[in-house]
Amino acid sequence: MIGFLRGKIAGYNENMLLMDVGGVGYEVIISAGTAEELPPVGEELKIFTHLSVREDAMTLYGFLTSDDLSIFKQLIGVSGIGPKGAQSILSELSPDDLRFAILAGDAKAISKAPGIGAKTAQRIIIDLKDKLSLEETFEHALGQPEVKSKADHGQSSEAKDEAVEALIALGYSSTDAYRAVKNADDGSGMDANGLLKAALKFII
């Protein structure tokens, strides 16, 4: 298997990256979101990869972080979701937004991806929801994982859950509510009311 490639960017578009690795050009399928974050042509890059092997083709799929690769592998582990379908979802939703949509049960957000219907989106939610942690998703999205006691961890997670539920009760979508609370959490340990007030500034 090819775990990653390190080389120079020879060219790319919103679907494909061409990597020059020691004089060999590798075509790597990427999402539109990945393409937007790539450095200019000629720059050196390390890209994590997944090799899909079929009878008629071998295809490399590329990701800027090991975390992006991890959520891709989780998606292709869902019955009926192949590499193309997973990449289509990740072109529509960032890994963090996808996690929030799964945790929120927001099939509508997932089904916006080309080729992904409502039933498939619901299957993704059912298969992956129990494999994701709300607290870890918040911390990853903030980019500031913290070391906490179990008690503090529980209080923080409970406050976020209450703030999200309050926003949903006010009529906001589940995904928008999760995203607003994520943006509002500054790591200071706010209670549910504090998080709710702060989140409203991001959602209005």
Protein backbone atom coordinates (compact mmCIF):
# COMPACT_ATOMS: atom_id res chain seq x y z
CA MET A 1 0.00 0.00 0.00
CA ILE A 2 1.02 3.62 -0.52
CA GLY A 3 0.54 5.50 2.76
CA PHE A 4 1.66 8.91 1.55
CA LEU A 5 3.57 10.71 -1.20
CA ARG A 6 6.14 13.44 -0.73
CA GLY A 7 7.23 15.45 -3.74
CA LYS A 8 6.58 18.55 -5.81
CA ILE A 9 3.23 19.64 -7.13
CA ALA A 10 3.35 19.35 -10.92
CA GLY A 11 -0.20 20.58 -11.43
CA TYR A 12 -3.76 20.20 -10.18
CA ASN A 13 -7.42 21.06 -10.69
CA GLU A 14 -10.44 20.68 -8.42
CA ASN A 15 -10.50 16.90 -8.91
CA MET A 16 -6.95 15.73 -9.53
CA LEU A 17 -3.43 16.41 -8.24
CA LEU A 18 -0.30 15.53 -10.21
CA MET A 19 2.66 14.84 -7.93
CA ASP A 20 6.28 14.62 -9.12
CA VAL A 21 7.93 12.11 -6.78
CA GLY A 22 11.52 11.46 -7.80
CA GLY A 23 10.74 12.04 -11.44
CA VAL A 24 7.62 9.85 -11.45
CA GLY A 25 4.26 11.55 -11.91
CA TYR A 26 1.44 10.26 -9.70
CA GLU A 27 -2.16 11.18 -10.44
CA VAL A 28 -4.06 11.57 -7.17
CA ILE A 29 -7.82 12.09 -6.94
CA ILE A 30 -8.66 14.90 -4.50
CA SER A 31 -11.76 16.74 -3.27
CA ALA A 32 -12.59 20.32 -4.20
CA GLY A 33 -11.90 21.32 -0.58
CA THR A 34 -8.42 19.80 -0.72
CA ALA A 35 -7.70 21.58 -4.02
CA GLU A 36 -8.54 24.94 -2.42
CA GLU A 37 -5.92 24.39 0.30
CA LEU A 38 -3.05 23.26 -1.91
CA PRO A 39 0.08 25.41 -2.18
CA PRO A 40 1.19 26.70 -5.63
CA VAL A 41 2.55 24.46 -8.37
CA GLY A 42 6.23 23.70 -7.78
CA GLU A 43 5.95 23.64 -3.99
CA GLU A 44 6.83 20.49 -2.03
CA LEU A 45 3.93 18.61 -0.48
CA LYS A 46 3.25 15.55 1.63
CA ILE A 47 -0.12 14.05 0.88
CA PHE A 48 -1.71 11.05 2.61
CA THR A 49 -3.16 8.49 0.24
CA HIS A 50 -5.56 5.58 -0.07
CA LEU A 51 -5.04 3.11 -2.92
CA SER A 52 -8.26 1.72 -4.35
CA VAL A 53 -7.70 -1.49 -6.31
CA ARG A 54 -10.31 -2.79 -8.73
CA GLU A 55 -10.16 -5.30 -11.57
CA ASP A 56 -9.99 -2.53 -14.16
CA ALA A 57 -8.12 0.22 -12.31
CA MET A 58 -5.87 1.27 -9.44
CA THR A 59 -6.70 4.74 -8.16
CA LEU A 60 -4.94 6.91 -5.56
CA TYR A 61 -7.06 9.21 -3.41
CA GLY A 62 -5.24 12.02 -1.61
CA PHE A 63 -5.74 13.95 1.65
CA LEU A 64 -3.82 16.76 3.33
CA THR A 65 -4.06 15.28 6.83
CA SER A 66 -4.22 11.82 8.34
CA ASP A 67 -7.51 12.88 9.95
CA ASP A 68 -9.04 13.59 6.53
CA LEU A 69 -7.90 10.14 5.40
CA SER A 70 -9.44 8.61 8.53
CA ILE A 71 -12.93 10.02 7.88
CA PHE A 72 -12.64 8.92 4.22
CA LYS A 73 -11.90 5.35 5.37
CA GLN A 74 -14.87 5.48 7.73
CA LEU A 75 -17.11 6.54 4.85
CA ILE A 76 -16.00 3.77 2.49
CA GLY A 77 -16.64 1.31 5.31
CA VAL A 78 -20.35 2.11 5.03
CA SER A 79 -22.27 -0.30 2.81
CA GLY A 80 -22.95 1.25 -0.58
CA ILE A 81 -20.32 4.01 -0.27
CA GLY A 82 -17.33 3.65 -2.57
CA PRO A 83 -14.28 5.91 -2.87
CA LYS A 84 -15.99 8.16 -5.43
CA GLY A 85 -19.02 8.60 -3.21
CA ALA A 86 -16.87 9.34 -0.18
CA GLN A 87 -14.86 11.90 -2.14
CA SER A 88 -18.08 13.48 -3.39
CA ILE A 89 -19.25 13.92 0.21
CA LEU A 90 -15.92 15.44 1.26
CA SER A 91 -16.11 17.86 -1.67
CA GLU A 92 -19.44 19.11 -0.29
CA LEU A 93 -18.63 19.00 3.43
CA SER A 94 -15.37 19.46 5.31
CA PRO A 95 -14.47 16.54 7.62
CA ASP A 96 -15.53 18.59 10.66
CA ASP A 97 -18.82 19.65 9.08
CA LEU A 98 -19.47 16.02 8.08
CA ARG A 99 -18.90 14.86 11.65
CA PHE A 100 -21.29 17.50 12.98
CA ALA A 101 -23.90 16.51 10.37
CA ILE A 102 -23.58 12.84 11.38
CA LEU A 103 -23.84 13.63 15.10
CA ALA A 104 -26.81 15.91 14.45
CA GLY A 105 -28.56 13.33 12.29
CA ASP A 106 -28.64 15.89 9.48
CA ALA A 107 -29.22 13.65 6.45
CA LYS A 108 -30.25 16.66 4.36
CA ALA A 109 -26.78 18.22 4.64
CA ILE A 110 -25.06 14.98 3.64
CA SER A 111 -27.42 14.29 0.74
CA LYS A 112 -26.42 17.59 -0.88
CA ALA A 113 -23.33 15.77 -2.17
CA PRO A 114 -23.72 14.70 -5.82
CA GLY A 115 -24.81 11.08 -6.11
CA ILE A 116 -25.75 10.75 -2.43
CA GLY A 117 -29.45 10.23 -1.82
CA ALA A 118 -31.44 10.59 1.37
CA LYS A 119 -31.40 6.84 2.12
CA THR A 120 -27.62 6.65 1.68
CA ALA A 121 -27.14 9.72 3.88
CA GLN A 122 -29.29 8.12 6.57
CA ARG A 123 -27.25 4.90 6.34
CA ILE A 124 -24.05 6.92 6.89
CA ILE A 125 -25.55 8.49 10.02
CA ILE A 126 -26.70 5.12 11.41
CA ASP A 127 -23.36 3.42 10.74
CA LEU A 128 -21.03 6.17 11.93
CA LYS A 129 -22.84 8.10 14.68
CA ASP A 130 -21.78 5.71 17.44
CA LYS A 131 -18.17 5.82 16.20
CA LEU A 132 -17.88 9.58 16.69
CA SER A 133 -17.47 11.57 19.90
CA LEU A 134 -19.12 14.98 20.24
CA GLU A 135 -16.44 16.25 22.61
CA GLU A 136 -13.56 15.03 20.44
CA THR A 137 -15.23 16.53 17.37
CA PHE A 138 -15.53 19.91 19.09
CA GLU A 139 -11.91 19.80 20.26
CA HIS A 140 -10.61 18.76 16.87
CA ALA A 141 -12.59 21.49 15.10
CA LEU A 142 -11.17 24.06 17.49
CA GLY A 143 -7.68 22.72 16.90
CA GLN A 144 -7.00 22.91 20.64
CA PRO A 145 -7.32 19.48 22.26
CA GLU A 146 -7.16 19.91 26.01
CA VAL A 147 -6.20 17.65 28.89
CA LYS A 148 -9.12 17.62 31.32
CA SER A 149 -10.28 15.62 34.29
CA LYS A 150 -13.20 13.28 33.68
CA ALA A 151 -15.47 15.59 35.68
CA ASP A 152 -14.49 18.69 33.68
CA HIS A 153 -14.81 16.72 30.46
CA GLY A 154 -18.34 15.68 31.38
CA GLN A 155 -19.38 19.21 32.37
CA SER A 156 -18.00 20.68 29.14
CA SER A 157 -19.75 18.12 26.97
CA GLU A 158 -23.03 18.55 28.84
CA ALA A 159 -22.93 22.35 28.45
CA LYS A 160 -22.34 22.04 24.72
CA ASP A 161 -25.16 19.52 24.36
CA GLU A 162 -27.56 21.83 26.23
CA ALA A 163 -26.54 24.84 24.12
CA VAL A 164 -27.03 22.86 20.90
CA GLU A 165 -30.45 21.60 22.04
CA ALA A 166 -31.49 25.17 22.93
CA LEU A 167 -30.54 26.43 19.46
CA ILE A 168 -32.46 23.60 17.81
CA ALA A 169 -35.48 24.47 19.98
CA LEU A 170 -35.19 28.04 18.67
CA GLY A 171 -35.62 26.72 15.14
CA TYR A 172 -32.06 26.44 13.86
CA SER A 173 -30.91 23.34 12.01
CA SER A 174 -28.92 20.72 13.90
CA THR A 175 -25.81 21.27 11.79
CA ASP A 176 -25.96 25.08 12.16
CA ALA A 177 -26.43 24.67 15.91
CA TYR A 178 -23.40 22.39 16.28
CA ARG A 179 -21.27 24.69 14.14
CA ALA A 180 -22.30 27.83 16.08
CA VAL A 181 -21.51 26.24 19.44
CA LYS A 182 -18.18 25.02 18.09
CA ASN A 183 -17.28 28.56 17.03
CA ALA A 184 -18.49 30.02 20.33
CA ASP A 185 -16.49 27.69 22.58
CA ASP A 186 -13.31 29.52 23.52
CA GLY A 187 -12.11 26.83 25.91
CA SER A 188 -12.86 28.88 29.03
CA GLY A 189 -15.40 26.40 30.36
CA MET A 190 -18.55 28.45 29.82
CA ASP A 191 -21.83 27.04 31.10
CA ALA A 192 -24.73 26.28 28.75
CA ASN A 193 -26.23 29.79 29.02
CA GLY A 194 -22.88 31.41 28.26
CA LEU A 195 -22.34 29.14 25.27
CA LEU A 196 -25.86 29.82 24.00
CA LYS A 197 -25.42 33.61 24.14
CA ALA A 198 -22.04 33.40 22.44
CA ALA A 199 -23.30 30.96 19.79
CA LEU A 200 -26.17 33.26 18.83
CA LYS A 201 -23.62 35.83 17.67
CA PHE A 202 -22.24 33.30 15.17
CA ILE A 203 -25.56 32.00 13.90
CA ILE A 204 -27.49 35.25 13.30
